[in-house]
Amino acid sequence: MTDKLTVSVLGTGIMGAAMARNLAKAGHTVRAWNRTRAKAEPLAADGVHVAGTPAEAVTGADVVLTMLYDGPAALEVMREAAPALRPGMAWVQSTTAGIEGVGELAGFARAHELVFYDAPVLGTRQPAEAGQLLVLAAGPVEGRDAVAPVFDAVGARTVWTGEDGAVGSATRLKLVANSWVLAATAATGEVLALSKALGVDPQSFFDAIAGGPLDMGYLRAKAGLILDDRLTPAQFAVATAAKDARLIVEAGEQHGVRLDVAAASADRMQRAAAQGHADEDMAAAYFASFAPEEDASA
């Protein structure tokens, strides 16, 4: 197989669209599909062929990349693509599907004789658009040369976590990393909400922690989105963050660990979504600290 591949990208939301563009920019032939076709159409200007069905998108592909909402969505779409899948085709599964979900997807791959790679990514809109994602991957060593050009096009670095994608070692690491991201995001919103309630200028807090161990770029970046009212377009949407938080809580429960902060983060994200912030950046969980009728402007 040459370094220039035909790659099918199924799911062109925030992350999938950026990945498709970077694959095309790297010289690969890219065939993309999205349930809402209008969201995929802009990719045509970047040389991406926009397909009408998942089966059309995967026809003749060397690698299929799925970046969909969750595990059930990925499984449904791959079932739609099944008539055009062929044995030996590589499947890079980048949806955050959860441990149980990855097992179900790996089962589908076995049934269709696909070479399965569990490959979630760390990063949001900006690193995705820059091709600077961190790829967490697990899958057979003997097939890695076939998928390496895909990972190189979308990411700055690939961390291999195991040789069997079905075990979900990459997904497990992704859930651990996301648990920290979600906790930090929720805490950022609460800091600003408490500042507002107590009449404290948020800048006083930032000045107090500046340069010390409690200071971090992520806190300032997410706080800036809230304070400057830059929650759209989302770097990572509230609704998707709520889904990921639930997967983290479920993973903990299944392995005998109670994750109170993750559970609270899931509740905050869900409340913010119910208040109309589902498609805004996950920093909009800030609004969950206030009753819907309150003026929660920062």
C-alpha atoms as a PDB file:
ATOM      1  CA  MET A   1       0.000   0.000   0.000  1.00  0.00           C
ATOM      2  CA  THR A   2       1.340   3.461  -0.884  1.00  0.00           C
ATOM      3  CA  ASP A   3       1.437   6.408   1.475  1.00  0.00           C
ATOM      4  CA  LYS A   4      -1.416   8.013  -0.478  1.00  0.00           C
ATOM      5  CA  LEU A   5      -4.655   6.361   0.508  1.00  0.00           C
ATOM      6  CA  THR A   6      -8.356   6.462  -0.178  1.00  0.00           C
ATOM      7  CA  VAL A   7      -9.912   7.309   3.177  1.00  0.00           C
ATOM      8  CA  SER A   8     -13.595   7.279   4.017  1.00  0.00           C
ATOM      9  CA  VAL A   9     -14.586   9.691   6.798  1.00  0.00           C
ATOM     10  CA  LEU A  10     -17.972   8.903   8.319  1.00  0.00           C
ATOM     11  CA  GLY A  11     -19.163  11.802  10.444  1.00  0.00           C
ATOM     12  CA  THR A  12     -18.207  15.395   9.612  1.00  0.00           C
ATOM     13  CA  GLY A  13     -19.005  17.343  12.744  1.00  0.00           C
ATOM     14  CA  ILE A  14     -16.469  19.633  14.428  1.00  0.00           C
ATOM     15  CA  MET A  15     -13.764  16.968  14.550  1.00  0.00           C
ATOM     16  CA  GLY A  16     -14.601  14.843  11.523  1.00  0.00           C
ATOM     17  CA  ALA A  17     -14.712  17.778   9.115  1.00  0.00           C
ATOM     18  CA  ALA A  18     -11.317  19.023  10.279  1.00  0.00           C
ATOM     19  CA  MET A  19      -9.846  15.539   9.980  1.00  0.00           C
ATOM     20  CA  ALA A  20     -11.247  15.138   6.457  1.00  0.00           C
ATOM     21  CA  ARG A  21      -9.727  18.455   5.382  1.00  0.00           C
ATOM     22  CA  ASN A  22      -6.321  17.560   6.769  1.00  0.00           C
ATOM     23  CA  LEU A  23      -6.404  14.160   5.099  1.00  0.00           C
ATOM     24  CA  ALA A  24      -7.156  15.839   1.765  1.00  0.00           C
ATOM     25  CA  LYS A  25      -4.446  18.428   2.394  1.00  0.00           C
ATOM     26  CA  ALA A  26      -1.971  15.567   2.927  1.00  0.00           C
ATOM     27  CA  GLY A  27      -2.768  14.276  -0.550  1.00  0.00           C
ATOM     28  CA  HIS A  28      -5.106  11.430   0.300  1.00  0.00           C
ATOM     29  CA  THR A  29      -8.307  10.785  -1.634  1.00  0.00           C
ATOM     30  CA  VAL A  30     -11.092  11.494   0.845  1.00  0.00           C
ATOM     31  CA  ARG A  31     -14.704  10.370   0.604  1.00  0.00           C
ATOM     32  CA  ALA A  32     -16.884  11.823   3.347  1.00  0.00           C
ATOM     33  CA  TRP A  33     -20.416  11.224   4.565  1.00  0.00           C
ATOM     34  CA  ASN A  34     -22.576  12.900   7.190  1.00  0.00           C
ATOM     35  CA  ARG A  35     -26.146  12.186   8.256  1.00  0.00           C
ATOM     36  CA  THR A  36     -26.989  15.846   7.606  1.00  0.00           C
ATOM     37  CA  ARG A  37     -25.437  16.251   4.175  1.00  0.00           C
ATOM     38  CA  ALA A  38     -25.406  20.048   4.349  1.00  0.00           C
ATOM     39  CA  LYS A  39     -22.749  19.845   7.064  1.00  0.00           C
ATOM     40  CA  ALA A  40     -20.480  17.849   4.749  1.00  0.00           C
ATOM     41  CA  GLU A  41     -21.025  19.866   1.570  1.00  0.00           C
ATOM     42  CA  PRO A  42     -18.449  22.599   2.408  1.00  0.00           C
ATOM     43  CA  LEU A  43     -15.746  19.911   2.281  1.00  0.00           C
ATOM     44  CA  ALA A  44     -16.140  19.699  -1.485  1.00  0.00           C
ATOM     45  CA  ALA A  45     -14.244  22.990  -1.753  1.00  0.00           C
ATOM     46  CA  ASP A  46     -11.276  21.210  -0.155  1.00  0.00           C
ATOM     47  CA  GLY A  47     -11.293  18.415  -2.713  1.00  0.00           C
ATOM     48  CA  VAL A  48     -13.314  15.974  -0.623  1.00  0.00           C
ATOM     49  CA  HIS A  49     -15.915  13.835  -2.391  1.00  0.00           C
ATOM     50  CA  VAL A  50     -19.178  14.085  -0.453  1.00  0.00           C
ATOM     51  CA  ALA A  51     -21.054  10.789  -0.614  1.00  0.00           C
ATOM     52  CA  GLY A  52     -24.782  10.288  -0.328  1.00  0.00           C
ATOM     53  CA  THR A  53     -24.649   7.107   1.772  1.00  0.00           C
ATOM     54  CA  PRO A  54     -22.151   5.382   4.082  1.00  0.00           C
ATOM     55  CA  ALA A  55     -21.884   2.511   1.575  1.00  0.00           C
ATOM     56  CA  GLU A  56     -20.981   4.933  -1.206  1.00  0.00           C
ATOM     57  CA  ALA A  57     -18.396   6.601   1.027  1.00  0.00           C
ATOM     58  CA  VAL A  58     -16.565   3.384   1.899  1.00  0.00           C
ATOM     59  CA  THR A  59     -16.568   1.923  -1.603  1.00  0.00           C
ATOM     60  CA  GLY A  60     -12.970   1.365  -2.650  1.00  0.00           C
ATOM     61  CA  ALA A  61     -11.537   2.816   0.567  1.00  0.00           C
ATOM     62  CA  ASP A  62      -8.257   1.664   2.064  1.00  0.00           C
ATOM     63  CA  VAL A  63      -9.189   3.038   5.478  1.00  0.00           C
ATOM     64  CA  VAL A  64     -12.553   3.870   7.046  1.00  0.00           C
ATOM     65  CA  LEU A  65     -12.469   6.511   9.795  1.00  0.00           C
ATOM     66  CA  THR A  66     -15.526   6.968  12.000  1.00  0.00           C
ATOM     67  CA  MET A  67     -15.985  10.145  14.036  1.00  0.00           C
ATOM     68  CA  LEU A  68     -19.592  10.030  15.169  1.00  0.00           C
ATOM     69  CA  TYR A  69     -21.536  11.033  18.270  1.00  0.00           C
ATOM     70  CA  ASP A  70     -21.327   7.784  20.218  1.00  0.00           C
ATOM     71  CA  GLY A  71     -20.963   4.011  19.953  1.00  0.00           C
ATOM     72  CA  PRO A  72     -24.538   3.229  18.876  1.00  0.00           C
ATOM     73  CA  ALA A  73     -24.318   5.878  16.139  1.00  0.00           C
ATOM     74  CA  ALA A  74     -21.027   4.428  14.874  1.00  0.00           C
ATOM     75  CA  LEU A  75     -22.457   0.912  14.839  1.00  0.00           C
ATOM     76  CA  GLU A  76     -25.592   2.029  12.991  1.00  0.00           C
ATOM     77  CA  VAL A  77     -23.584   3.834  10.322  1.00  0.00           C
ATOM     78  CA  MET A  78     -21.196   0.924   9.822  1.00  0.00           C
ATOM     79  CA  ARG A  79     -24.175  -1.387   9.386  1.00  0.00           C
ATOM     80  CA  GLU A  80     -25.377   0.947   6.641  1.00  0.00           C
ATOM     81  CA  ALA A  81     -21.905   0.798   5.084  1.00  0.00           C
ATOM     82  CA  ALA A  82     -21.663  -3.003   5.395  1.00  0.00           C
ATOM     83  CA  PRO A  83     -22.603  -3.880   1.771  1.00  0.00           C
ATOM     84  CA  ALA A  84     -19.504  -2.026   0.510  1.00  0.00           C
ATOM     85  CA  LEU A  85     -17.040  -3.170   3.187  1.00  0.00           C
ATOM     86  CA  ARG A  86     -14.469  -5.745   2.163  1.00  0.00           C
ATOM     87  CA  PRO A  87     -12.371  -8.156   4.246  1.00  0.00           C
ATOM     88  CA  GLY A  88      -9.015  -6.733   5.264  1.00  0.00           C
ATOM     89  CA  MET A  89     -10.163  -3.108   5.161  1.00  0.00           C
ATOM     90  CA  ALA A  90      -8.745  -1.017   8.031  1.00  0.00           C
ATOM     91  CA  TRP A  91     -11.256   0.624  10.351  1.00  0.00           C
ATOM     92  CA  VAL A  92      -9.995   3.536  12.456  1.00  0.00           C
ATOM     93  CA  GLN A  93     -12.672   4.064  15.085  1.00  0.00           C
ATOM     94  CA  SER A  94     -12.214   7.541  16.616  1.00  0.00           C
ATOM     95  CA  THR A  95     -15.641   8.029  18.168  1.00  0.00           C
ATOM     96  CA  THR A  96     -15.577   8.269  21.978  1.00  0.00           C
ATOM     97  CA  ALA A  97     -17.735   5.196  22.384  1.00  0.00           C
ATOM     98  CA  GLY A  98     -16.997   4.020  25.922  1.00  0.00           C
ATOM     99  CA  ILE A  99     -15.563   0.663  26.932  1.00  0.00           C
ATOM    100  CA  GLU A 100     -18.704  -1.372  26.276  1.00  0.00           C
ATOM    101  CA  GLY A 101     -19.304   0.460  23.007  1.00  0.00           C
ATOM    102  CA  VAL A 102     -15.816  -0.299  21.716  1.00  0.00           C
ATOM    103  CA  GLY A 103     -16.388  -3.983  22.425  1.00  0.00           C
ATOM    104  CA  GLU A 104     -19.556  -3.943  20.320  1.00  0.00           C
ATOM    105  CA  LEU A 105     -17.800  -2.150  17.469  1.00  0.00           C
ATOM    106  CA  ALA A 106     -14.892  -4.588  17.592  1.00  0.00           C
ATOM    107  CA  GLY A 107     -17.417  -7.428  17.350  1.00  0.00           C
ATOM    108  CA  PHE A 108     -18.812  -5.891  14.173  1.00  0.00           C
ATOM    109  CA  ALA A 109     -15.278  -5.602  12.807  1.00  0.00           C
ATOM    110  CA  ARG A 110     -14.604  -9.294  13.486  1.00  0.00           C
ATOM    111  CA  ALA A 111     -17.843 -10.311  11.813  1.00  0.00           C
ATOM    112  CA  HIS A 112     -16.884  -8.375   8.674  1.00  0.00           C
ATOM    113  CA  GLU A 113     -13.171  -9.265   8.783  1.00  0.00           C
ATOM    114  CA  LEU A 114     -12.073  -5.656   9.210  1.00  0.00           C
ATOM    115  CA  VAL A 115      -8.737  -4.709  10.785  1.00  0.00           C
ATOM    116  CA  PHE A 116      -9.927  -2.778  13.837  1.00  0.00           C
ATOM    117  CA  TYR A 117      -8.128   0.174  15.429  1.00  0.00           C
ATOM    118  CA  ASP A 118      -9.473   1.778  18.574  1.00  0.00           C
ATOM    119  CA  ALA A 119      -8.216   5.325  17.979  1.00  0.00           C
ATOM    120  CA  PRO A 120      -9.907   8.153  19.916  1.00  0.00           C
ATOM    121  CA  VAL A 121      -8.217  11.546  19.830  1.00  0.00           C
ATOM    122  CA  LEU A 122      -7.451  14.224  22.393  1.00  0.00           C
ATOM    123  CA  GLY A 123      -8.080  17.783  21.287  1.00  0.00           C
ATOM    124  CA  THR A 124     -10.839  20.175  20.274  1.00  0.00           C
ATOM    125  CA  ARG A 125     -11.711  22.261  17.226  1.00  0.00           C
ATOM    126  CA  GLN A 126      -8.513  24.322  17.048  1.00  0.00           C
ATOM    127  CA  PRO A 127      -5.973  21.454  17.234  1.00  0.00           C
ATOM    128  CA  ALA A 128      -8.198  19.377  14.959  1.00  0.00           C
ATOM    129  CA  GLU A 129      -8.174  22.093  12.306  1.00  0.00           C
ATOM    130  CA  ALA A 130      -4.402  22.444  12.676  1.00  0.00           C
ATOM    131  CA  GLY A 131      -3.812  18.687  12.384  1.00  0.00           C
ATOM    132  CA  GLN A 132      -2.360  18.717  15.901  1.00  0.00           C
ATOM    133  CA  LEU A 133      -4.545  16.166  17.667  1.00  0.00           C
ATOM    134  CA  LEU A 134      -3.070  13.540  19.979  1.00  0.00           C
ATOM    135  CA  VAL A 135      -4.081  10.130  18.627  1.00  0.00           C
ATOM    136  CA  LEU A 136      -4.502   7.361  21.188  1.00  0.00           C
ATOM    137  CA  ALA A 137      -4.427   4.081  19.293  1.00  0.00           C
ATOM    138  CA  ALA A 138      -4.607   0.349  19.817  1.00  0.00           C
ATOM    139  CA  GLY A 139      -4.477  -2.292  17.098  1.00  0.00           C
ATOM    140  CA  PRO A 140      -2.363  -4.943  15.416  1.00  0.00           C
ATOM    141  CA  VAL A 141       1.274  -4.101  14.777  1.00  0.00           C
ATOM    142  CA  GLU A 142       1.284  -5.712  11.346  1.00  0.00           C
ATOM    143  CA  GLY A 143      -1.314  -3.293  10.013  1.00  0.00           C
ATOM    144  CA  ARG A 144      -0.027  -0.063  11.492  1.00  0.00           C
ATOM    145  CA  ASP A 145       1.849   1.023   8.379  1.00  0.00           C
ATOM    146  CA  ALA A 146      -1.514   1.131   6.603  1.00  0.00           C
ATOM    147  CA  VAL A 147      -3.064   3.562   9.090  1.00  0.00           C
ATOM    148  CA  ALA A 148       0.017   5.597  10.059  1.00  0.00           C
ATOM    149  CA  PRO A 149      -0.456   8.078   7.168  1.00  0.00           C
ATOM    150  CA  VAL A 150      -3.976   8.752   8.443  1.00  0.00           C
ATOM    151  CA  PHE A 151      -2.766   9.406  11.984  1.00  0.00           C
ATOM    152  CA  ASP A 152       0.081  11.570  10.681  1.00  0.00           C
ATOM    153  CA  ALA A 153      -2.372  13.736   8.714  1.00  0.00           C
ATOM    154  CA  VAL A 154      -4.725  14.419  11.615  1.00  0.00           C
ATOM    155  CA  GLY A 155      -2.408  14.383  14.600  1.00  0.00           C
ATOM    156  CA  ALA A 156       0.863  15.734  15.947  1.00  0.00           C
ATOM    157  CA  ARG A 157       1.631  12.497  17.784  1.00  0.00           C
ATOM    158  CA  THR A 158       0.322   8.950  18.098  1.00  0.00           C
ATOM    159  CA  VAL A 159       0.475   7.077  21.402  1.00  0.00           C
ATOM    160  CA  TRP A 160       0.086   3.314  21.000  1.00  0.00           C
ATOM    161  CA  THR A 161      -1.601   1.685  23.982  1.00  0.00           C
ATOM    162  CA  GLY A 162      -1.908  -1.942  22.878  1.00  0.00           C
ATOM    163  CA  GLU A 163      -2.158  -4.450  20.060  1.00  0.00           C
ATOM    164  CA  ASP A 164      -5.829  -5.403  20.386  1.00  0.00           C
ATOM    165  CA  GLY A 165      -8.312  -2.652  19.688  1.00  0.00           C
ATOM    166  CA  ALA A 166     -11.148  -4.756  21.087  1.00  0.00           C
ATOM    167  CA  VAL A 167      -9.711  -4.463  24.602  1.00  0.00           C
ATOM    168  CA  GLY A 168     -10.295  -0.706  24.429  1.00  0.00           C
ATOM    169  CA  SER A 169      -6.998   0.366  26.002  1.00  0.00           C
ATOM    170  CA  ALA A 170      -6.967   3.571  23.927  1.00  0.00           C
ATOM    171  CA  THR A 171     -10.556   4.354  24.879  1.00  0.00           C
ATOM    172  CA  ARG A 172      -9.756   3.713  28.545  1.00  0.00           C
ATOM    173  CA  LEU A 173      -6.933   6.260  28.383  1.00  0.00           C
ATOM    174  CA  LYS A 174      -9.232   8.706  26.585  1.00  0.00           C
ATOM    175  CA  LEU A 175     -11.834   8.399  29.368  1.00  0.00           C
ATOM    176  CA  VAL A 176      -9.184   9.032  32.021  1.00  0.00           C
ATOM    177  CA  ALA A 177      -7.945  12.122  30.168  1.00  0.00           C
ATOM    178  CA  ASN A 178     -11.465  13.397  29.554  1.00  0.00           C
ATOM    179  CA  SER A 179     -12.333  13.010  33.241  1.00  0.00           C
ATOM    180  CA  TRP A 180      -9.649  15.609  33.994  1.00  0.00           C
ATOM    181  CA  VAL A 181     -10.737  17.907  31.161  1.00  0.00           C
ATOM    182  CA  LEU A 182     -14.377  17.833  32.254  1.00  0.00           C
ATOM    183  CA  ALA A 183     -13.517  18.397  35.913  1.00  0.00           C
ATOM    184  CA  ALA A 184     -11.350  21.393  34.995  1.00  0.00           C
ATOM    185  CA  THR A 185     -14.074  22.790  32.737  1.00  0.00           C
ATOM    186  CA  ALA A 186     -16.765  22.451  35.397  1.00  0.00           C
ATOM    187  CA  ALA A 187     -14.500  24.012  38.033  1.00  0.00           C
ATOM    188  CA  THR A 188     -13.761  26.959  35.730  1.00  0.00           C
ATOM    189  CA  GLY A 189     -17.468  27.660  35.350  1.00  0.00           C
ATOM    190  CA  GLU A 190     -18.054  27.439  39.085  1.00  0.00           C
ATOM    191  CA  VAL A 191     -15.164  29.806  39.860  1.00  0.00           C
ATOM    192  CA  LEU A 192     -16.702  32.425  37.589  1.00  0.00           C
ATOM    193  CA  ALA A 193     -20.222  31.797  38.898  1.00  0.00           C
ATOM    194  CA  LEU A 194     -19.077  32.174  42.515  1.00  0.00           C
ATOM    195  CA  SER A 195     -17.111  35.297  41.609  1.00  0.00           C
ATOM    196  CA  LYS A 196     -20.259  36.789  40.106  1.00  0.00           C
ATOM    197  CA  ALA A 197     -22.378  35.841  43.107  1.00  0.00           C
ATOM    198  CA  LEU A 198     -19.890  37.284  45.617  1.00  0.00           C
ATOM    199  CA  GLY A 199     -19.115  40.420  43.632  1.00  0.00           C
ATOM    200  CA  VAL A 200     -15.478  39.442  43.050  1.00  0.00           C
ATOM    201  CA  ASP A 201     -13.723  40.582  39.889  1.00  0.00           C
ATOM    202  CA  PRO A 202     -12.517  37.356  38.192  1.00  0.00           C
ATOM    203  CA  GLN A 203      -9.277  39.113  37.320  1.00  0.00           C
ATOM    204  CA  SER A 204      -8.511  39.317  41.036  1.00  0.00           C
ATOM    205  CA  PHE A 205      -8.579  35.515  41.163  1.00  0.00           C
ATOM    206  CA  PHE A 206      -6.353  35.193  38.096  1.00  0.00           C
ATOM    207  CA  ASP A 207      -3.900  37.695  39.576  1.00  0.00           C
ATOM    208  CA  ALA A 208      -3.820  35.787  42.868  1.00  0.00           C
ATOM    209  CA  ILE A 209      -2.862  32.466  41.261  1.00  0.00           C
ATOM    210  CA  ALA A 210      -0.667  33.895  38.482  1.00  0.00           C
ATOM    211  CA  GLY A 211       2.543  31.943  37.981  1.00  0.00           C
ATOM    212  CA  GLY A 212       1.821  29.486  40.767  1.00  0.00           C
ATOM    213  CA  PRO A 213       0.926  25.782  40.773  1.00  0.00           C
ATOM    214  CA  LEU A 214      -2.811  26.564  40.655  1.00  0.00           C
ATOM    215  CA  ASP A 215      -2.500  28.587  37.457  1.00  0.00           C
ATOM    216  CA  MET A 216      -2.946  26.891  34.092  1.00  0.00           C
ATOM    217  CA  GLY A 217      -3.541  27.866  30.498  1.00  0.00           C
ATOM    218  CA  TYR A 218      -6.670  25.735  30.162  1.00  0.00           C
ATOM    219  CA  LEU A 219      -8.386  27.597  33.020  1.00  0.00           C
ATOM    220  CA  ARG A 220      -7.654  30.955  31.420  1.00  0.00           C
ATOM    221  CA  ALA A 221      -8.664  29.789  27.943  1.00  0.00           C
ATOM    222  CA  LYS A 222     -12.054  28.427  29.038  1.00  0.00           C
ATOM    223  CA  ALA A 223     -12.717  31.388  31.328  1.00  0.00           C
ATOM    224  CA  GLY A 224     -11.942  33.694  28.421  1.00  0.00           C
ATOM    225  CA  LEU A 225     -14.613  32.038  26.284  1.00  0.00           C
ATOM    226  CA  ILE A 226     -17.184  32.766  28.990  1.00  0.00           C
ATOM    227  CA  LEU A 227     -16.059  36.277  29.912  1.00  0.00           C
ATOM    228  CA  ASP A 228     -15.726  37.376  26.277  1.00  0.00           C
ATOM    229  CA  ASP A 229     -18.935  35.641  25.145  1.00  0.00           C
ATOM    230  CA  ARG A 230     -17.092  33.474  22.603  1.00  0.00           C
ATOM    231  CA  LEU A 231     -18.942  30.215  23.235  1.00  0.00           C
ATOM    232  CA  THR A 232     -19.736  29.737  19.554  1.00  0.00           C
ATOM    233  CA  PRO A 233     -18.484  28.188  17.448  1.00  0.00           C
ATOM    234  CA  ALA A 234     -17.852  25.479  20.007  1.00  0.00           C
ATOM    235  CA  GLN A 235     -14.405  23.995  20.491  1.00  0.00           C
ATOM    236  CA  PHE A 236     -16.171  21.011  22.065  1.00  0.00           C
ATOM    237  CA  ALA A 237     -19.935  21.145  22.521  1.00  0.00           C
ATOM    238  CA  VAL A 238     -21.853  20.912  25.803  1.00  0.00           C
ATOM    239  CA  ALA A 239     -24.021  18.034  24.565  1.00  0.00           C
ATOM    240  CA  THR A 240     -21.000  15.956  23.560  1.00  0.00           C
ATOM    241  CA  ALA A 241     -19.263  16.715  26.863  1.00  0.00           C
ATOM    242  CA  ALA A 242     -22.360  15.516  28.726  1.00  0.00           C
ATOM    243  CA  LYS A 243     -22.265  12.264  26.774  1.00  0.00           C
ATOM    244  CA  ASP A 244     -18.578  11.744  27.520  1.00  0.00           C
ATOM    245  CA  ALA A 245     -19.115  12.484  31.211  1.00  0.00           C
ATOM    246  CA  ARG A 246     -21.817   9.816  31.377  1.00  0.00           C
ATOM    247  CA  LEU A 247     -19.478   7.301  29.735  1.00  0.00           C
ATOM    248  CA  ILE A 248     -16.828   8.111  32.345  1.00  0.00           C
ATOM    249  CA  VAL A 249     -19.283   7.615  35.206  1.00  0.00           C
ATOM    250  CA  GLU A 250     -20.469   4.318  33.715  1.00  0.00           C
ATOM    251  CA  ALA A 251     -16.894   3.095  33.301  1.00  0.00           C
ATOM    252  CA  GLY A 252     -16.210   3.875  36.949  1.00  0.00           C
ATOM    253  CA  GLU A 253     -19.356   2.088  38.113  1.00  0.00           C
ATOM    254  CA  GLN A 254     -18.519  -0.986  36.056  1.00  0.00           C
ATOM    255  CA  HIS A 255     -15.121  -1.179  37.722  1.00  0.00           C
ATOM    256  CA  GLY A 256     -16.198  -0.448  41.287  1.00  0.00           C
ATOM    257  CA  VAL A 257     -15.159   3.208  41.421  1.00  0.00           C
ATOM    258  CA  ARG A 258     -17.462   6.059  42.431  1.00  0.00           C
ATOM    259  CA  LEU A 259     -16.686   9.241  40.480  1.00  0.00           C
ATOM    260  CA  ASP A 260     -18.561  12.044  42.199  1.00  0.00           C
ATOM    261  CA  VAL A 261     -16.914  14.888  40.265  1.00  0.00           C
ATOM    262  CA  ALA A 262     -17.555  13.234  36.899  1.00  0.00           C
ATOM    263  CA  ALA A 263     -21.188  12.614  37.881  1.00  0.00           C
ATOM    264  CA  ALA A 264     -21.591  16.246  38.917  1.00  0.00           C
ATOM    265  CA  SER A 265     -19.955  17.364  35.663  1.00  0.00           C
ATOM    266  CA  ALA A 266     -22.426  15.243  33.702  1.00  0.00           C
ATOM    267  CA  ASP A 267     -25.321  16.856  35.584  1.00  0.00           C
ATOM    268  CA  ARG A 268     -23.960  20.370  34.980  1.00  0.00           C
ATOM    269  CA  MET A 269     -23.492  19.741  31.274  1.00  0.00           C
ATOM    270  CA  GLN A 270     -26.989  18.275  30.998  1.00  0.00           C
ATOM    271  CA  ARG A 271     -28.542  21.256  32.801  1.00  0.00           C
ATOM    272  CA  ALA A 272     -26.692  23.707  30.577  1.00  0.00           C
ATOM    273  CA  ALA A 273     -27.883  21.793  27.497  1.00  0.00           C
ATOM    274  CA  ALA A 274     -31.477  21.905  28.770  1.00  0.00           C
ATOM    275  CA  GLN A 275     -31.126  25.670  29.175  1.00  0.00           C
ATOM    276  CA  GLY A 276     -30.360  26.012  25.470  1.00  0.00           C
ATOM    277  CA  HIS A 277     -26.560  25.782  25.455  1.00  0.00           C
ATOM    278  CA  ALA A 278     -26.202  22.276  23.974  1.00  0.00           C
ATOM    279  CA  ASP A 279     -24.338  23.411  20.866  1.00  0.00           C
ATOM    280  CA  GLU A 280     -22.142  25.970  22.600  1.00  0.00           C
ATOM    281  CA  ASP A 281     -18.662  25.288  23.910  1.00  0.00           C
ATOM    282  CA  MET A 282     -18.602  23.079  26.993  1.00  0.00           C
ATOM    283  CA  ALA A 283     -17.439  26.094  28.990  1.00  0.00           C
ATOM    284  CA  ALA A 284     -21.119  27.092  28.811  1.00  0.00           C
ATOM    285  CA  ALA A 285     -21.680  24.666  31.691  1.00  0.00           C
ATOM    286  CA  TYR A 286     -21.108  27.928  33.577  1.00  0.00           C
ATOM    287  CA  PHE A 287     -24.794  28.703  33.047  1.00  0.00           C
ATOM    288  CA  ALA A 288     -25.825  25.592  34.980  1.00  0.00           C
ATOM    289  CA  SER A 289     -24.971  27.485  38.183  1.00  0.00           C
ATOM    290  CA  PHE A 290     -27.903  29.802  37.630  1.00  0.00           C
ATOM    291  CA  ALA A 291     -31.658  29.369  37.394  1.00  0.00           C
ATOM    292  CA  PRO A 292     -32.781  29.614  33.740  1.00  0.00           C
ATOM    293  CA  GLU A 293     -34.604  32.887  34.341  1.00  0.00           C
ATOM    294  CA  GLU A 294     -31.598  34.564  35.945  1.00  0.00           C
ATOM    295  CA  ASP A 295     -29.275  36.895  34.084  1.00  0.00           C
ATOM    296  CA  ALA A 296     -26.128  34.760  34.125  1.00  0.00           C
ATOM    297  CA  SER A 297     -24.073  36.988  31.865  1.00  0.00           C
ATOM    298  CA  ALA A 298     -20.434  37.038  32.940  1.00  0.00           C
END
